Amino acid sequence: MKYIHFVIIFICMLILCISPVSGIRTEAMIHYSEPAVSVQDEIFLEQGYSFKVVDMNSKSGAILVELYLNGEEVKLDENFAKEDNPFEYVRSIVEDEDDDEETEVDYLILRITPEGSVKKSDDEIYSTIYIEQYIDPVEDVDDYLILDKSYTLKDDSELELAGFYTLTATGVDDGEVSLELRLSGKLVKEDEVEEGDYFYYTAYSDKQPRTIFLANVKAFFETDDSITVFLKHVSLQQNSISGADGDDKYSDGIDINVESPVDGGLKAGRVAIVSYYVDDSFPEVRIMVDGELVDSRRYVNPGIYRTVTEELDAGVHKATLMTIGEDDDISYYSEEFSVSVNIKENITESIIEMANSATEGFGNGTASDKSANFSLPSLPSTSNVSNMVSLIVTAGVFVVFLMFFKKFR
């Protein structure tokens, strides 16, 4: 009899332990990424969420985080994330049921799981983490071309998505289906996915991840002549990184673009912004201008990165991107760009030099001139007349240069 009581108690305790977990709901996943983060890094997610890495274990890669929603810190009961105990943010939301009664429902919004290892570079420690974010029913969802839809994909035809994206199933092998995502016909992501897993495409810009496409592979089957894939929770976001408008200057592998931070193009005496794109992950990349190192980054993921040069001289310059692979394989990619003469600044400098020369002309009197007796009126001296003529000429030249200067504004 005592064994029966023991079983009943055990079952009750099991129910109590399982009930809170089973009561947590999840909406569609809208973000998945695997960034390498260091202390003080802040990662911006969807729906106004972001988190900051406050501290990190130098051996396990476990992290301490602060969570923010629209810039306001979210109060957390637990803010530690490690490999076997991920950080999870569950939000309680009051909802109206069919009988007009209000019920509090728990939704899993965010899960952060460290990989469990660290990498060191330049005395800085990096930890790779896995980020899963699900729709918050309370917050606004913007910039989505497709959100939480279901599709059936056949291998004999492309699934046409919005924004010039297409999805194709190319084969099945060892219980995994091969999928390809293309933008305007160009391959941006391919992967083999098991049933129940997600196929995703995440772009990175300045260490910030942005998940462009997500699809859960609910099931798939293969016959002698066809493959059918059932997809759910399909989301596609407007891509400001890769140019979803079809005019993607960064879609062909590695590329470099140099531009001026202000209107008027690249001018001498100004800095320039160098944007460089890589379509693969590299342990290290370096960007150089005329052989001088401008920027160096470690553990770079696919995406666009930007840096600023020093002030440039007029002429033709060369920007070079150096990528260093896992086996220390080094590759170079270069682009030339021209910096034109800054006519405005040259005119301004000329006017200033002439004005300084005229001012010096007025101050060339000797000490005896300054100590002379001026009690009686006298006619202007020859040097004073020369100074007046110089002043008139300088003023005339200034007016001419000013009119010329306005034409270049």
Protein backbone atom coordinates (compact mmCIF):
# COMPACT_ATOMS: atom_id res chain seq x y z
CA MET A 1 0.00 0.00 0.00
CA LYS A 2 2.83 2.34 0.86
CA TYR A 3 4.20 1.83 -2.64
CA ILE A 4 0.91 3.06 -4.12
CA HIS A 5 1.12 6.21 -2.01
CA PHE A 6 4.68 6.70 -3.19
CA VAL A 7 3.62 6.38 -6.86
CA ILE A 8 0.76 8.85 -6.37
CA ILE A 9 3.05 11.38 -4.72
CA PHE A 10 5.62 10.93 -7.48
CA ILE A 11 3.00 11.47 -10.20
CA CYS A 12 1.69 14.60 -8.48
CA MET A 13 5.16 16.04 -8.23
CA LEU A 14 5.83 15.21 -11.88
CA ILE A 15 2.62 16.96 -12.91
CA LEU A 16 3.55 20.03 -10.90
CA CYS A 17 6.97 20.15 -12.53
CA ILE A 18 5.71 19.62 -16.05
CA SER A 19 2.62 21.82 -15.98
CA PRO A 20 4.37 25.22 -16.05
CA VAL A 21 6.62 24.12 -18.90
CA SER A 22 3.83 22.63 -20.98
CA GLY A 23 1.80 25.81 -20.46
CA ILE A 24 4.35 27.99 -22.28
CA ARG A 25 3.33 28.84 -25.84
CA THR A 26 5.44 29.85 -28.81
CA GLU A 27 4.43 31.78 -31.88
CA ALA A 28 6.36 31.64 -35.16
CA MET A 29 10.13 32.02 -34.98
CA ILE A 30 11.25 35.30 -36.58
CA HIS A 31 14.97 35.32 -35.78
CA TYR A 32 17.74 32.75 -35.72
CA SER A 33 21.44 33.61 -35.72
CA GLU A 34 24.82 32.41 -34.45
CA PRO A 35 26.90 35.54 -33.79
CA ALA A 36 30.24 35.62 -31.99
CA VAL A 37 29.93 38.15 -29.17
CA SER A 38 32.26 39.72 -26.64
CA VAL A 39 31.70 41.69 -23.43
CA GLN A 40 29.76 44.96 -23.92
CA ASP A 41 28.41 43.88 -27.31
CA GLU A 42 24.76 44.79 -27.89
CA ILE A 43 22.73 42.70 -30.33
CA PHE A 44 19.56 44.18 -31.84
CA LEU A 45 16.74 41.78 -32.67
CA GLU A 46 13.17 42.08 -33.99
CA GLN A 47 10.13 43.87 -32.51
CA GLY A 48 12.28 46.33 -30.57
CA TYR A 49 14.17 43.71 -28.53
CA SER A 50 17.90 43.85 -27.88
CA PHE A 51 20.32 42.47 -25.34
CA LYS A 52 23.74 43.44 -24.01
CA VAL A 53 26.53 41.06 -23.01
CA VAL A 54 27.48 42.28 -19.52
CA ASP A 55 30.01 39.60 -18.60
CA MET A 56 31.46 36.35 -19.93
CA ASN A 57 33.11 33.22 -18.57
CA SER A 58 36.52 33.03 -20.23
CA LYS A 59 36.51 29.21 -20.25
CA SER A 60 32.94 28.08 -20.97
CA GLY A 61 31.68 31.06 -22.97
CA ALA A 62 28.68 31.44 -20.63
CA ILE A 63 27.35 34.99 -20.63
CA LEU A 64 25.47 37.41 -18.39
CA VAL A 65 22.94 39.50 -20.31
CA GLU A 66 20.73 42.54 -19.94
CA LEU A 67 17.51 42.51 -21.97
CA TYR A 68 15.91 45.63 -23.45
CA LEU A 69 12.58 46.34 -25.13
CA ASN A 70 12.40 49.59 -27.09
CA GLY A 71 15.43 50.83 -25.17
CA GLU A 72 13.96 50.12 -21.72
CA GLU A 73 15.57 47.43 -19.58
CA VAL A 74 13.38 44.39 -18.91
CA LYS A 75 13.38 43.12 -15.35
CA LEU A 76 14.56 39.50 -15.25
CA ASP A 77 14.53 36.81 -12.59
CA GLU A 78 17.48 35.07 -14.27
CA ASN A 79 19.89 36.61 -16.77
CA PHE A 80 22.61 33.95 -17.06
CA ALA A 81 23.05 31.78 -20.17
CA LYS A 82 25.30 28.73 -20.49
CA GLU A 83 25.53 25.72 -22.77
CA ASP A 84 23.37 23.33 -20.71
CA ASN A 85 21.10 26.02 -19.29
CA PRO A 86 20.09 28.62 -21.91
CA PHE A 87 18.67 32.00 -21.05
CA GLU A 88 14.92 32.17 -21.79
CA TYR A 89 12.65 35.18 -21.64
CA VAL A 90 9.01 34.25 -21.09
CA ARG A 91 6.44 37.04 -21.20
CA SER A 92 3.07 36.73 -19.46
CA ILE A 93 0.25 38.23 -21.52
CA VAL A 94 -3.36 38.70 -20.43
CA GLU A 95 -5.77 37.46 -23.12
CA ASP A 96 -9.54 37.38 -23.45
CA GLU A 97 -11.04 33.90 -23.75
CA ASP A 98 -14.28 32.99 -25.53
CA ASP A 99 -16.31 33.39 -22.35
CA ASP A 100 -14.98 36.97 -21.92
CA GLU A 101 -12.79 35.88 -19.05
CA GLU A 102 -9.23 37.11 -18.92
CA THR A 103 -6.47 34.52 -18.78
CA GLU A 104 -2.76 35.02 -18.32
CA VAL A 105 -0.76 33.16 -20.98
CA ASP A 106 3.02 32.66 -20.98
CA TYR A 107 4.83 33.09 -24.30
CA LEU A 108 8.43 32.16 -24.97
CA ILE A 109 9.94 35.20 -26.69
CA LEU A 110 13.70 34.68 -26.63
CA ARG A 111 16.18 31.87 -26.06
CA ILE A 112 19.98 32.39 -25.97
CA THR A 113 22.27 29.34 -25.84
CA PRO A 114 26.09 29.64 -25.72
CA GLU A 115 27.99 27.14 -27.87
CA GLY A 116 30.19 26.21 -24.92
CA SER A 117 33.59 27.38 -26.13
CA VAL A 118 35.53 30.62 -26.53
CA LYS A 119 37.92 32.13 -29.04
CA LYS A 120 40.58 34.70 -28.23
CA SER A 121 41.77 37.49 -30.49
CA ASP A 122 43.82 40.56 -29.56
CA ASP A 123 43.24 39.92 -25.85
CA GLU A 124 39.47 39.86 -26.45
CA ILE A 125 37.31 36.80 -25.79
CA TYR A 126 34.51 35.79 -28.15
CA SER A 127 31.69 33.34 -27.46
CA THR A 128 29.48 31.97 -30.22
CA ILE A 129 25.82 31.93 -29.17
CA TYR A 130 22.61 30.63 -30.71
CA ILE A 131 19.71 33.10 -30.72
CA GLU A 132 16.09 32.06 -31.21
CA GLN A 133 13.40 34.73 -31.15
CA TYR A 134 9.65 34.13 -31.46
CA ILE A 135 6.83 36.55 -32.20
CA ASP A 136 5.69 38.64 -29.25
CA PRO A 137 1.89 38.90 -29.66
CA VAL A 138 1.87 42.31 -27.96
CA GLU A 139 4.57 44.11 -29.98
CA ASP A 140 4.30 45.40 -33.54
CA VAL A 141 5.73 43.35 -36.41
CA ASP A 142 7.03 45.43 -39.31
CA ASP A 143 8.89 45.01 -42.59
CA TYR A 144 7.76 41.46 -43.29
CA LEU A 145 6.83 40.42 -46.80
CA ILE A 146 5.69 36.99 -45.52
CA LEU A 147 4.89 36.18 -41.90
CA ASP A 148 3.93 32.79 -40.43
CA LYS A 149 2.65 31.19 -43.65
CA SER A 150 2.55 27.55 -44.80
CA TYR A 151 3.59 26.26 -48.23
CA THR A 152 4.01 23.01 -50.15
CA LEU A 153 7.20 22.82 -52.19
CA LYS A 154 7.73 20.51 -55.17
CA ASP A 155 11.14 19.73 -56.60
CA ASP A 156 9.95 20.21 -60.18
CA SER A 157 9.15 23.90 -59.66
CA GLU A 158 10.44 26.93 -57.76
CA LEU A 159 8.40 28.37 -54.93
CA GLU A 160 8.14 32.06 -55.82
CA LEU A 161 8.33 34.22 -52.71
CA ALA A 162 8.09 37.99 -52.39
CA GLY A 163 10.96 40.40 -53.02
CA PHE A 164 12.48 38.40 -55.93
CA TYR A 165 13.25 35.42 -53.67
CA THR A 166 12.66 31.82 -54.73
CA LEU A 167 13.00 28.51 -52.86
CA THR A 168 13.86 25.16 -54.46
CA ALA A 169 14.15 21.56 -53.22
CA THR A 170 17.02 19.83 -55.00
CA GLY A 171 17.22 16.37 -53.42
CA VAL A 172 16.89 14.06 -50.43
CA ASP A 173 19.81 12.18 -48.83
CA ASP A 174 20.22 10.42 -45.47
CA GLY A 175 16.97 11.76 -44.09
CA GLU A 176 17.71 15.37 -45.06
CA VAL A 177 16.21 17.52 -47.79
CA SER A 178 18.42 19.96 -49.71
CA LEU A 179 17.00 23.46 -50.09
CA GLU A 180 18.26 26.47 -52.05
CA LEU A 181 17.21 30.10 -51.52
CA ARG A 182 17.90 32.49 -54.38
CA LEU A 183 17.59 36.23 -54.85
CA SER A 184 16.99 37.32 -58.45
CA GLY A 185 18.33 33.95 -59.56
CA LYS A 186 21.52 34.20 -57.48
CA LEU A 187 22.14 31.64 -54.74
CA VAL A 188 22.23 33.17 -51.23
CA LYS A 189 21.78 30.08 -49.03
CA GLU A 190 21.77 26.29 -49.42
CA ASP A 191 21.50 23.69 -46.68
CA GLU A 192 20.38 20.15 -45.85
CA VAL A 193 17.55 20.08 -43.27
CA GLU A 194 15.91 17.31 -41.28
CA GLU A 195 12.20 17.13 -40.53
CA GLY A 196 11.26 19.52 -37.75
CA ASP A 197 14.31 21.75 -38.24
CA TYR A 198 14.49 25.27 -39.64
CA PHE A 199 15.99 26.38 -42.93
CA TYR A 200 17.16 29.99 -42.48
CA TYR A 201 19.12 32.79 -44.10
CA THR A 202 20.68 35.35 -41.74
CA ALA A 203 22.76 38.31 -42.96
CA TYR A 204 25.25 40.18 -40.80
CA SER A 205 26.14 43.86 -40.94
CA ASP A 206 28.61 45.39 -38.46
CA LYS A 207 28.20 42.31 -36.21
CA GLN A 208 24.42 42.78 -36.18
CA PRO A 209 22.46 39.70 -37.35
CA ARG A 210 19.26 40.04 -39.36
CA THR A 211 17.26 36.95 -40.26
CA ILE A 212 15.87 37.43 -43.76
CA PHE A 213 14.20 34.06 -44.30
CA LEU A 214 12.92 31.31 -42.00
CA ALA A 215 10.97 28.16 -42.77
CA ASN A 216 10.22 25.16 -40.59
CA VAL A 217 10.42 21.87 -42.50
CA LYS A 218 7.36 20.14 -41.08
CA ALA A 219 7.72 17.03 -43.25
CA PHE A 220 8.89 15.79 -46.65
CA PHE A 221 8.70 12.62 -48.68
CA GLU A 222 10.34 11.33 -51.83
CA THR A 223 8.86 9.12 -54.53
CA ASP A 224 10.52 7.66 -57.60
CA ASP A 225 10.07 10.84 -59.60
CA SER A 226 9.33 13.70 -57.17
CA ILE A 227 10.02 15.35 -53.83
CA THR A 228 7.37 17.10 -51.77
CA VAL A 229 8.25 19.37 -48.83
CA PHE A 230 5.71 20.78 -46.37
CA LEU A 231 6.76 24.10 -44.85
CA LYS A 232 5.23 26.01 -41.95
CA HIS A 233 6.06 29.21 -40.04
CA VAL A 234 7.53 30.72 -43.21
CA SER A 235 8.72 34.31 -42.78
CA LEU A 236 10.49 36.65 -45.21
CA GLN A 237 11.70 40.06 -44.17
CA GLN A 238 12.41 43.05 -46.36
CA ASN A 239 16.17 42.92 -46.77
CA SER A 240 17.92 46.27 -46.49
CA ILE A 241 21.31 44.54 -46.31
CA SER A 242 21.27 42.46 -49.47
CA GLY A 243 19.11 44.71 -51.62
CA ALA A 244 15.85 42.84 -52.04
CA ASP A 245 14.81 45.26 -54.76
CA GLY A 246 16.77 43.20 -57.29
CA ASP A 247 19.53 45.79 -57.73
CA ASP A 248 21.99 44.09 -55.40
CA LYS A 249 25.53 45.39 -55.86
CA TYR A 250 26.74 43.08 -53.10
CA SER A 251 25.24 39.77 -54.30
CA ASP A 252 28.25 38.51 -56.31
CA GLY A 253 30.59 37.32 -53.57
CA ILE A 254 33.19 39.83 -52.35
CA ASP A 255 32.81 43.49 -53.25
CA ILE A 256 34.10 46.93 -52.19
CA ASN A 257 32.36 50.30 -52.46
CA VAL A 258 33.96 53.65 -51.57
CA GLU A 259 31.81 56.75 -51.13
CA SER A 260 31.84 60.19 -49.56
CA PRO A 261 30.01 60.79 -46.26
CA VAL A 262 28.71 64.11 -47.66
CA ASP A 263 27.24 65.27 -50.95
CA GLY A 264 29.53 66.18 -53.80
CA GLY A 265 31.50 62.97 -54.24
CA LEU A 266 35.00 62.07 -53.15
CA LYS A 267 37.08 65.24 -52.72
CA ALA A 268 40.65 65.84 -51.66
CA GLY A 269 41.08 66.65 -47.99
CA ARG A 270 38.02 64.61 -46.95
CA VAL A 271 37.57 61.14 -45.47
CA ALA A 272 35.80 58.33 -47.33
CA ILE A 273 33.55 55.47 -46.19
CA VAL A 274 34.66 52.03 -47.37
CA SER A 275 31.90 49.40 -47.44
CA TYR A 276 33.02 45.84 -48.07
CA TYR A 277 30.95 42.68 -48.44
CA VAL A 278 31.92 39.06 -47.86
CA ASP A 279 29.68 36.11 -48.71
CA ASP A 280 31.41 33.61 -46.42
CA SER A 281 32.80 33.35 -42.89
CA PHE A 282 36.49 34.12 -42.33
CA PRO A 283 38.73 33.99 -39.24
CA GLU A 284 40.05 37.41 -40.23
CA VAL A 285 39.60 40.12 -42.87
CA ARG A 286 41.60 43.30 -43.47
CA ILE A 287 40.85 46.34 -45.59
CA MET A 288 43.69 48.54 -46.89
CA VAL A 289 43.84 51.76 -48.88
CA ASP A 290 47.03 52.26 -50.90
CA GLY A 291 48.69 49.56 -48.81
CA GLU A 292 47.86 51.24 -45.48
CA LEU A 293 45.75 49.20 -43.05
CA VAL A 294 42.36 50.86 -42.44
CA ASP A 295 40.34 48.14 -40.71
CA SER A 296 40.88 44.60 -39.35
CA ARG A 297 38.19 42.23 -38.02
CA ARG A 298 38.21 38.76 -36.48
CA TYR A 299 35.67 35.95 -36.93
CA VAL A 300 33.70 37.69 -39.65
CA ASN A 301 30.34 36.29 -40.79
CA PRO A 302 28.74 36.96 -44.20
CA GLY A 303 27.55 40.54 -44.44
CA ILE A 304 28.47 44.16 -45.07
CA TYR A 305 31.05 45.98 -42.94
CA ARG A 306 32.07 49.65 -43.01
CA THR A 307 35.10 51.67 -42.01
CA VAL A 308 36.35 55.25 -42.44
CA THR A 309 39.63 56.29 -44.09
CA GLU A 310 41.96 59.14 -43.24
CA GLU A 311 41.77 62.36 -45.27
CA LEU A 312 42.62 61.53 -48.89
CA ASP A 313 44.68 63.35 -51.50
CA ALA A 314 43.49 63.96 -55.05
CA GLY A 315 44.23 61.15 -57.50
CA VAL A 316 43.56 57.45 -58.05
CA HIS A 317 43.59 55.21 -54.97
CA LYS A 318 43.24 51.46 -54.46
CA ALA A 319 41.13 49.74 -51.77
CA THR A 320 42.15 46.12 -51.10
CA LEU A 321 40.25 43.50 -49.12
CA MET A 322 42.37 40.66 -47.74
CA THR A 323 40.60 37.52 -46.46
CA ILE A 324 42.38 34.93 -44.31
CA GLY A 325 40.85 31.43 -44.34
CA GLU A 326 40.89 28.58 -41.82
CA ASP A 327 44.12 27.14 -43.27
CA ASP A 328 45.76 30.60 -43.44
CA ASP A 329 44.85 30.81 -47.12
CA ILE A 330 45.04 34.46 -48.14
CA SER A 331 43.02 36.01 -50.95
CA TYR A 332 42.96 39.61 -52.22
CA TYR A 333 40.26 41.67 -53.90
CA SER A 334 40.93 45.24 -55.04
CA GLU A 335 38.95 48.18 -56.39
CA GLU A 336 40.33 51.50 -57.65
CA PHE A 337 38.57 54.80 -56.95
CA SER A 338 39.27 58.44 -57.84
CA VAL A 339 39.40 61.46 -55.57
CA SER A 340 38.96 64.80 -57.35
CA VAL A 341 40.53 68.15 -56.53
CA ASN A 342 38.53 70.11 -53.99
CA ILE A 343 38.10 73.39 -55.93
CA LYS A 344 36.11 75.11 -53.18
CA GLU A 345 38.77 74.56 -50.56
CA ASN A 346 41.55 75.65 -52.95
CA ILE A 347 39.74 78.93 -53.67
CA THR A 348 39.09 79.53 -49.99
CA GLU A 349 42.74 78.91 -49.13
CA SER A 350 43.87 81.31 -51.88
CA ILE A 351 41.57 84.07 -50.60
CA ILE A 352 42.80 83.57 -47.04
CA GLU A 353 46.45 83.72 -48.17
CA MET A 354 45.86 86.93 -50.11
CA ALA A 355 44.03 88.53 -47.18
CA ASN A 356 46.90 87.59 -44.86
CA SER A 357 49.39 89.12 -47.29
CA ALA A 358 47.44 92.39 -47.40
CA THR A 359 47.22 92.49 -43.61
CA GLU A 360 50.97 92.02 -43.32
CA GLY A 361 51.42 94.94 -45.74
CA PHE A 362 49.68 97.28 -43.29
CA GLY A 363 51.92 96.19 -40.46
CA ASN A 364 55.28 96.78 -42.14
CA GLY A 365 55.89 100.30 -40.67
CA THR A 366 59.16 100.88 -38.75
CA ALA A 367 59.48 101.84 -35.10
CA SER A 368 60.47 105.41 -36.10
CA ASP A 369 57.23 105.73 -38.11
CA LYS A 370 55.20 104.74 -35.08
CA SER A 371 56.96 107.22 -32.80
CA ALA A 372 56.66 110.19 -35.24
CA ASN A 373 54.98 113.49 -34.21
CA PHE A 374 51.40 113.51 -35.65
CA SER A 375 50.43 116.90 -34.16
CA LEU A 376 50.40 118.58 -37.59
CA PRO A 377 48.35 117.32 -40.55
CA SER A 378 50.41 115.93 -43.40
CA LEU A 379 49.86 114.52 -46.85
CA PRO A 380 49.78 110.72 -47.24
CA SER A 381 53.22 109.22 -47.70
CA THR A 382 54.22 107.13 -50.71
CA SER A 383 54.04 103.89 -48.68
CA ASN A 384 50.51 104.73 -47.44
CA VAL A 385 49.36 105.36 -51.00
CA SER A 386 50.82 102.00 -52.02
CA ASN A 387 49.01 100.28 -49.16
CA MET A 388 45.70 101.85 -50.17
CA VAL A 389 46.18 100.75 -53.78
CA SER A 390 47.01 97.23 -52.57
CA LEU A 391 43.88 97.20 -50.45
CA ILE A 392 41.69 98.24 -53.41
CA VAL A 393 43.29 95.61 -55.67
CA THR A 394 42.91 92.91 -53.01
CA ALA A 395 39.25 93.82 -52.51
CA GLY A 396 38.66 93.59 -56.28
CA VAL A 397 40.37 90.20 -56.51
CA PHE A 398 38.35 89.02 -53.51
CA VAL A 399 35.08 89.98 -55.24
CA VAL A 400 36.12 88.18 -58.44
CA PHE A 401 37.07 85.02 -56.54
CA LEU A 402 33.85 85.21 -54.54
CA MET A 403 31.77 85.26 -57.73
CA PHE A 404 33.84 82.35 -59.08
CA PHE A 405 33.42 80.49 -55.78
CA LYS A 406 29.61 80.74 -55.91
CA LYS A 407 29.52 78.95 -59.26
CA PHE A 408 30.97 75.82 -57.62
CA ARG A 409 28.60 75.71 -54.67
